[in-house]
């Protein structure tokens, strides 16, 4: 776990552009998303395309951290 937080693994092919995915993330109480290279490559363009739902907090060559902003 990162910084002593509980982690919830999501599939690399999760579609973060879908409202249902955002609702699922919110229901699970997920406040941040860590995107890094473990196994399959992950394209974070869906996260950056939803700036009202996800805010980039950290951007490095192979790692990104997003804050989930779209939960009501």
PDB file of N, CA and C in Angstrom:
ATOM      1  N   UNK A   1       0.821  -1.219   0.000  1.00  0.00           N
ATOM      2  CA  UNK A   1       0.000   0.000   0.000  1.00  0.00           C
ATOM      3  C   UNK A   1       0.853   1.266   0.000  1.00  0.00           C
ATOM      4  N   UNK A   2       0.372   2.238  -0.702  1.00  0.00           N
ATOM      5  CA  UNK A   2       1.075   3.511  -0.766  1.00  0.00           C
ATOM      6  C   UNK A   2       0.751   4.349   0.464  1.00  0.00           C
ATOM      7  N   UNK A   3       1.745   4.936   1.016  1.00  0.00           N
ATOM      8  CA  UNK A   3       1.630   5.835   2.172  1.00  0.00           C
ATOM      9  C   UNK A   3       0.621   5.359   3.210  1.00  0.00           C
ATOM     10  N   UNK A   4       0.696   4.075   3.502  1.00  0.00           N
ATOM     11  CA  UNK A   4      -0.122   3.447   4.531  1.00  0.00           C
ATOM     12  C   UNK A   4      -1.625   3.612   4.292  1.00  0.00           C
ATOM     13  N   UNK A   5      -2.033   3.567   3.048  1.00  0.00           N
ATOM     14  CA  UNK A   5      -3.452   3.626   2.684  1.00  0.00           C
ATOM     15  C   UNK A   5      -3.883   2.266   2.163  1.00  0.00           C
ATOM     16  N   UNK A   6      -5.151   1.962   2.345  1.00  0.00           N
ATOM     17  CA  UNK A   6      -5.695   0.749   1.751  1.00  0.00           C
ATOM     18  C   UNK A   6      -5.719   0.935   0.240  1.00  0.00           C
ATOM     19  N   UNK A   7      -5.361  -0.102  -0.486  1.00  0.00           N
ATOM     20  CA  UNK A   7      -5.376  -0.017  -1.943  1.00  0.00           C
ATOM     21  C   UNK A   7      -6.415  -0.969  -2.516  1.00  0.00           C
ATOM     22  N   UNK A   8      -7.033  -0.541  -3.607  1.00  0.00           N
ATOM     23  CA  UNK A   8      -8.042  -1.337  -4.308  1.00  0.00           C
ATOM     24  C   UNK A   8      -7.569  -1.461  -5.754  1.00  0.00           C
ATOM     25  N   UNK A   9      -7.120  -2.632  -6.161  1.00  0.00           N
ATOM     26  CA  UNK A   9      -6.650  -2.770  -7.542  1.00  0.00           C
ATOM     27  C   UNK A   9      -7.823  -2.738  -8.529  1.00  0.00           C
ATOM     28  N   UNK A  10      -7.612  -2.039  -9.622  1.00  0.00           N
ATOM     29  CA  UNK A  10      -8.593  -1.983 -10.710  1.00  0.00           C
ATOM     30  C   UNK A  10      -7.923  -2.541 -11.954  1.00  0.00           C
ATOM     31  N   UNK A  11      -8.711  -3.096 -12.834  1.00  0.00           N
ATOM     32  CA  UNK A  11      -8.176  -3.660 -14.077  1.00  0.00           C
ATOM     33  C   UNK A  11      -7.552  -2.556 -14.930  1.00  0.00           C
ATOM     34  N   UNK A  12      -6.496  -2.921 -15.653  1.00  0.00           N
ATOM     35  CA  UNK A  12      -5.822  -1.946 -16.508  1.00  0.00           C
ATOM     36  C   UNK A  12      -6.734  -1.432 -17.620  1.00  0.00           C
ATOM     37  N   UNK A  13      -7.772  -2.195 -17.977  1.00  0.00           N
ATOM     38  CA  UNK A  13      -8.660  -1.777 -19.060  1.00  0.00           C
ATOM     39  C   UNK A  13      -9.949  -1.127 -18.551  1.00  0.00           C
ATOM     40  N   UNK A  14      -9.959  -0.692 -17.303  1.00  0.00           N
ATOM     41  CA  UNK A  14     -11.119   0.023 -16.757  1.00  0.00           C
ATOM     42  C   UNK A  14     -11.351   1.292 -17.568  1.00  0.00           C
ATOM     43  N   UNK A  15     -12.601   1.556 -17.949  1.00  0.00           N
ATOM     44  CA  UNK A  15     -12.928   2.737 -18.745  1.00  0.00           C
ATOM     45  C   UNK A  15     -13.311   3.879 -17.794  1.00  0.00           C
ATOM     46  N   UNK A  16     -12.363   4.777 -17.531  1.00  0.00           N
ATOM     47  CA  UNK A  16     -12.600   5.886 -16.622  1.00  0.00           C
ATOM     48  C   UNK A  16     -13.398   7.016 -17.266  1.00  0.00           C
ATOM     49  N   UNK A  17     -13.768   6.880 -18.509  1.00  0.00           N
ATOM     50  CA  UNK A  17     -14.613   7.859 -19.166  1.00  0.00           C
ATOM     51  C   UNK A  17     -16.096   7.577 -18.978  1.00  0.00           C
ATOM     52  N   UNK A  18     -16.428   6.432 -18.366  1.00  0.00           N
ATOM     53  CA  UNK A  18     -17.824   6.057 -18.162  1.00  0.00           C
ATOM     54  C   UNK A  18     -18.335   6.521 -16.793  1.00  0.00           C
ATOM     55  N   UNK A  19     -19.550   7.021 -16.784  1.00  0.00           N
ATOM     56  CA  UNK A  19     -20.201   7.459 -15.545  1.00  0.00           C
ATOM     57  C   UNK A  19     -20.294   6.298 -14.544  1.00  0.00           C
ATOM     58  N   UNK A  20     -20.575   5.098 -15.031  1.00  0.00           N
ATOM     59  CA  UNK A  20     -20.695   3.935 -14.144  1.00  0.00           C
ATOM     60  C   UNK A  20     -19.390   3.642 -13.413  1.00  0.00           C
ATOM     61  N   UNK A  21     -18.257   3.859 -14.080  1.00  0.00           N
ATOM     62  CA  UNK A  21     -16.963   3.649 -13.436  1.00  0.00           C
ATOM     63  C   UNK A  21     -16.755   4.665 -12.330  1.00  0.00           C
ATOM     64  N   UNK A  22     -17.069   5.919 -12.601  1.00  0.00           N
ATOM     65  CA  UNK A  22     -16.950   6.960 -11.575  1.00  0.00           C
ATOM     66  C   UNK A  22     -17.831   6.620 -10.381  1.00  0.00           C
ATOM     67  N   UNK A  23     -19.067   6.199 -10.626  1.00  0.00           N
ATOM     68  CA  UNK A  23     -19.971   5.839  -9.536  1.00  0.00           C
ATOM     69  C   UNK A  23     -19.409   4.682  -8.716  1.00  0.00           C
ATOM     70  N   UNK A  24     -18.821   3.690  -9.381  1.00  0.00           N
ATOM     71  CA  UNK A  24     -18.217   2.559  -8.686  1.00  0.00           C
ATOM     72  C   UNK A  24     -17.038   3.006  -7.821  1.00  0.00           C
ATOM     73  N   UNK A  25     -16.198   3.861  -8.372  1.00  0.00           N
ATOM     74  CA  UNK A  25     -15.050   4.396  -7.627  1.00  0.00           C
ATOM     75  C   UNK A  25     -15.542   5.147  -6.390  1.00  0.00           C
ATOM     76  N   UNK A  26     -16.561   5.963  -6.563  1.00  0.00           N
ATOM     77  CA  UNK A  26     -17.107   6.731  -5.445  1.00  0.00           C
ATOM     78  C   UNK A  26     -17.725   5.811  -4.386  1.00  0.00           C
ATOM     79  N   UNK A  27     -18.475   4.812  -4.809  1.00  0.00           N
ATOM     80  CA  UNK A  27     -19.101   3.879  -3.864  1.00  0.00           C
ATOM     81  C   UNK A  27     -18.064   3.126  -3.043  1.00  0.00           C
ATOM     82  N   UNK A  28     -16.909   2.864  -3.635  1.00  0.00           N
ATOM     83  CA  UNK A  28     -15.849   2.168  -2.913  1.00  0.00           C
ATOM     84  C   UNK A  28     -15.045   3.105  -2.013  1.00  0.00           C
ATOM     85  N   UNK A  29     -15.348   4.385  -2.061  1.00  0.00           N
ATOM     86  CA  UNK A  29     -14.640   5.350  -1.229  1.00  0.00           C
ATOM     87  C   UNK A  29     -13.224   5.635  -1.692  1.00  0.00           C
ATOM     88  N   UNK A  30     -12.971   5.445  -2.973  1.00  0.00           N
ATOM     89  CA  UNK A  30     -11.636   5.678  -3.521  1.00  0.00           C
ATOM     90  C   UNK A  30     -11.446   7.175  -3.730  1.00  0.00           C
ATOM     91  N   UNK A  31     -10.432   7.741  -3.086  1.00  0.00           N
ATOM     92  CA  UNK A  31     -10.197   9.183  -3.187  1.00  0.00           C
ATOM     93  C   UNK A  31      -9.050   9.528  -4.134  1.00  0.00           C
ATOM     94  N   UNK A  32      -8.150   8.569  -4.380  1.00  0.00           N
ATOM     95  CA  UNK A  32      -7.004   8.805  -5.249  1.00  0.00           C
ATOM     96  C   UNK A  32      -6.763   7.581  -6.131  1.00  0.00           C
ATOM     97  N   UNK A  33      -6.232   7.835  -7.308  1.00  0.00           N
ATOM     98  CA  UNK A  33      -5.895   6.761  -8.242  1.00  0.00           C
ATOM     99  C   UNK A  33      -4.406   6.839  -8.549  1.00  0.00           C
ATOM    100  N   UNK A  34      -3.727   5.734  -8.356  1.00  0.00           N
ATOM    101  CA  UNK A  34      -2.313   5.615  -8.700  1.00  0.00           C
ATOM    102  C   UNK A  34      -2.243   4.878 -10.029  1.00  0.00           C
ATOM    103  N   UNK A  35      -1.579   5.471 -10.985  1.00  0.00           N
ATOM    104  CA  UNK A  35      -1.425   4.865 -12.304  1.00  0.00           C
ATOM    105  C   UNK A  35       0.065   4.666 -12.533  1.00  0.00           C
ATOM    106  N   UNK A  36       0.470   3.410 -12.631  1.00  0.00           N
ATOM    107  CA  UNK A  36       1.874   3.111 -12.850  1.00  0.00           C
ATOM    108  C   UNK A  36       2.016   1.879 -13.704  1.00  0.00           C
ATOM    109  N   UNK A  37       3.230   1.567 -14.046  1.00  0.00           N
ATOM    110  CA  UNK A  37       3.486   0.411 -14.891  1.00  0.00           C
ATOM    111  C   UNK A  37       3.698  -0.826 -14.037  1.00  0.00           C
ATOM    112  N   UNK A  38       2.675  -1.607 -13.904  1.00  0.00           N
ATOM    113  CA  UNK A  38       2.749  -2.921 -13.264  1.00  0.00           C
ATOM    114  C   UNK A  38       2.005  -3.882 -14.177  1.00  0.00           C
ATOM    115  N   UNK A  39       2.710  -4.745 -14.821  1.00  0.00           N
ATOM    116  CA  UNK A  39       2.050  -5.675 -15.738  1.00  0.00           C
ATOM    117  C   UNK A  39       1.683  -4.975 -17.037  1.00  0.00           C
ATOM    118  N   UNK A  40       0.378  -4.825 -17.289  1.00  0.00           N
ATOM    119  CA  UNK A  40      -0.106  -4.206 -18.522  1.00  0.00           C
ATOM    120  C   UNK A  40       0.095  -2.688 -18.482  1.00  0.00           C
ATOM    121  N   UNK A  41       0.342  -2.100 -19.638  1.00  0.00           N
ATOM    122  CA  UNK A  41       0.423  -0.649 -19.736  1.00  0.00           C
ATOM    123  C   UNK A  41      -0.962  -0.047 -19.571  1.00  0.00           C
ATOM    124  N   UNK A  42      -1.032   1.109 -18.964  1.00  0.00           N
ATOM    125  CA  UNK A  42      -2.295   1.786 -18.726  1.00  0.00           C
ATOM    126  C   UNK A  42      -2.261   3.135 -19.404  1.00  0.00           C
ATOM    127  N   UNK A  43      -3.269   3.433 -20.182  1.00  0.00           N
ATOM    128  CA  UNK A  43      -3.376   4.713 -20.860  1.00  0.00           C
ATOM    129  C   UNK A  43      -4.240   5.627 -20.003  1.00  0.00           C
ATOM    130  N   UNK A  44      -3.655   6.671 -19.445  1.00  0.00           N
ATOM    131  CA  UNK A  44      -4.393   7.549 -18.536  1.00  0.00           C
ATOM    132  C   UNK A  44      -5.119   8.687 -19.259  1.00  0.00           C
ATOM    133  N   UNK A  45      -5.222   8.622 -20.583  1.00  0.00           N
ATOM    134  CA  UNK A  45      -5.897   9.692 -21.328  1.00  0.00           C
ATOM    135  C   UNK A  45      -7.364   9.832 -20.937  1.00  0.00           C
ATOM    136  N   UNK A  46      -8.014   8.735 -20.510  1.00  0.00           N
ATOM    137  CA  UNK A  46      -9.412   8.815 -20.074  1.00  0.00           C
ATOM    138  C   UNK A  46      -9.536   9.647 -18.797  1.00  0.00           C
ATOM    139  N   UNK A  47      -8.550   9.544 -17.929  1.00  0.00           N
ATOM    140  CA  UNK A  47      -8.573  10.330 -16.695  1.00  0.00           C
ATOM    141  C   UNK A  47      -8.343  11.809 -16.994  1.00  0.00           C
ATOM    142  N   UNK A  48      -7.354  12.108 -17.808  1.00  0.00           N
ATOM    143  CA  UNK A  48      -7.070  13.507 -18.121  1.00  0.00           C
ATOM    144  C   UNK A  48      -8.174  14.140 -18.967  1.00  0.00           C
ATOM    145  N   UNK A  49      -8.990  13.329 -19.639  1.00  0.00           N
ATOM    146  CA  UNK A  49     -10.101  13.851 -20.451  1.00  0.00           C
ATOM    147  C   UNK A  49     -11.321  14.206 -19.599  1.00  0.00           C
ATOM    148  N   UNK A  50     -11.286  13.873 -18.309  1.00  0.00           N
ATOM    149  CA  UNK A  50     -12.405  14.153 -17.400  1.00  0.00           C
ATOM    150  C   UNK A  50     -11.920  15.044 -16.246  1.00  0.00           C
ATOM    151  N   UNK A  51     -11.570  16.304 -16.517  1.00  0.00           N
ATOM    152  CA  UNK A  51     -10.981  17.151 -15.470  1.00  0.00           C
ATOM    153  C   UNK A  51     -11.935  17.495 -14.322  1.00  0.00           C
ATOM    154  N   UNK A  52     -13.232  17.357 -14.518  1.00  0.00           N
ATOM    155  CA  UNK A  52     -14.158  17.604 -13.406  1.00  0.00           C
ATOM    156  C   UNK A  52     -14.311  16.372 -12.526  1.00  0.00           C
ATOM    157  N   UNK A  53     -13.863  15.215 -13.017  1.00  0.00           N
ATOM    158  CA  UNK A  53     -13.938  13.971 -12.247  1.00  0.00           C
ATOM    159  C   UNK A  53     -12.611  13.634 -11.591  1.00  0.00           C
ATOM    160  N   UNK A  54     -11.497  13.857 -12.314  1.00  0.00           N
ATOM    161  CA  UNK A  54     -10.178  13.440 -11.865  1.00  0.00           C
ATOM    162  C   UNK A  54      -9.180  14.572 -12.039  1.00  0.00           C
ATOM    163  N   UNK A  55      -8.404  14.853 -10.993  1.00  0.00           N
ATOM    164  CA  UNK A  55      -7.410  15.925 -11.038  1.00  0.00           C
ATOM    165  C   UNK A  55      -6.021  15.315 -10.880  1.00  0.00           C
ATOM    166  N   UNK A  56      -5.134  15.594 -11.810  1.00  0.00           N
ATOM    167  CA  UNK A  56      -3.761  15.091 -11.738  1.00  0.00           C
ATOM    168  C   UNK A  56      -3.013  15.823 -10.629  1.00  0.00           C
ATOM    169  N   UNK A  57      -2.444  15.050  -9.706  1.00  0.00           N
ATOM    170  CA  UNK A  57      -1.671  15.624  -8.612  1.00  0.00           C
ATOM    171  C   UNK A  57      -0.175  15.406  -8.801  1.00  0.00           C
ATOM    172  N   UNK A  58       0.188  14.321  -9.456  1.00  0.00           N
ATOM    173  CA  UNK A  58       1.591  13.985  -9.658  1.00  0.00           C
ATOM    174  C   UNK A  58       1.740  13.395 -11.043  1.00  0.00           C
ATOM    175  N   UNK A  59       2.720  13.880 -11.780  1.00  0.00           N
ATOM    176  CA  UNK A  59       2.985  13.351 -13.114  1.00  0.00           C
ATOM    177  C   UNK A  59       4.480  13.126 -13.273  1.00  0.00           C
ATOM    178  N   UNK A  60       4.857  11.873 -13.420  1.00  0.00           N
ATOM    179  CA  UNK A  60       6.235  11.486 -13.667  1.00  0.00           C
ATOM    180  C   UNK A  60       6.235  10.610 -14.915  1.00  0.00           C
ATOM    181  N   UNK A  61       7.389  10.302 -15.481  1.00  0.00           N
ATOM    182  CA  UNK A  61       7.401   9.550 -16.752  1.00  0.00           C
ATOM    183  C   UNK A  61       6.571   8.268 -16.749  1.00  0.00           C
ATOM    184  N   UNK A  62       6.584   7.487 -15.688  1.00  0.00           N
ATOM    185  CA  UNK A  62       5.851   6.223 -15.701  1.00  0.00           C
ATOM    186  C   UNK A  62       4.827   6.118 -14.579  1.00  0.00           C
ATOM    187  N   UNK A  63       4.552   7.222 -13.904  1.00  0.00           N
ATOM    188  CA  UNK A  63       3.642   7.211 -12.754  1.00  0.00           C
ATOM    189  C   UNK A  63       2.776   8.457 -12.775  1.00  0.00           C
ATOM    190  N   UNK A  64       1.505   8.279 -12.434  1.00  0.00           N
ATOM    191  CA  UNK A  64       0.585   9.404 -12.253  1.00  0.00           C
ATOM    192  C   UNK A  64      -0.252   9.136 -11.001  1.00  0.00           C
ATOM    193  N   UNK A  65      -0.614  10.205 -10.311  1.00  0.00           N
ATOM    194  CA  UNK A  65      -1.554  10.108  -9.196  1.00  0.00           C
ATOM    195  C   UNK A  65      -2.648  11.121  -9.461  1.00  0.00           C
ATOM    196  N   UNK A  66      -3.885  10.647  -9.391  1.00  0.00           N
ATOM    197  CA  UNK A  66      -5.055  11.492  -9.619  1.00  0.00           C
ATOM    198  C   UNK A  66      -5.907  11.520  -8.353  1.00  0.00           C
ATOM    199  N   UNK A  67      -6.490  12.680  -8.084  1.00  0.00           N
ATOM    200  CA  UNK A  67      -7.479  12.797  -7.025  1.00  0.00           C
ATOM    201  C   UNK A  67      -8.854  12.663  -7.658  1.00  0.00           C
ATOM    202  N   UNK A  68      -9.718  11.871  -7.046  1.00  0.00           N
ATOM    203  CA  UNK A  68     -11.072  11.707  -7.552  1.00  0.00           C
ATOM    204  C   UNK A  68     -11.893  12.907  -7.084  1.00  0.00           C
ATOM    205  N   UNK A  69     -12.380  13.712  -8.025  1.00  0.00           N
ATOM    206  CA  UNK A  69     -13.099  14.945  -7.716  1.00  0.00           C
ATOM    207  C   UNK A  69     -14.593  14.848  -8.002  1.00  0.00           C
ATOM    208  N   UNK A  70     -15.022  13.824  -8.715  1.00  0.00           N
ATOM    209  CA  UNK A  70     -16.382  13.755  -9.224  1.00  0.00           C
ATOM    210  C   UNK A  70     -17.411  13.134  -8.309  1.00  0.00           C
ATOM    211  N   UNK A  71     -17.026  12.761  -7.089  1.00  0.00           N
ATOM    212  CA  UNK A  71     -18.006  12.157  -6.168  1.00  0.00           C
ATOM    213  C   UNK A  71     -18.846  13.248  -5.519  1.00  0.00           C
ATOM    214  N   UNK A  72     -20.123  12.971  -5.373  1.00  0.00           N
ATOM    215  CA  UNK A  72     -21.014  13.966  -4.756  1.00  0.00           C
ATOM    216  C   UNK A  72     -21.080  13.773  -3.261  1.00  0.00           C
TER     217      UNK A  72
END
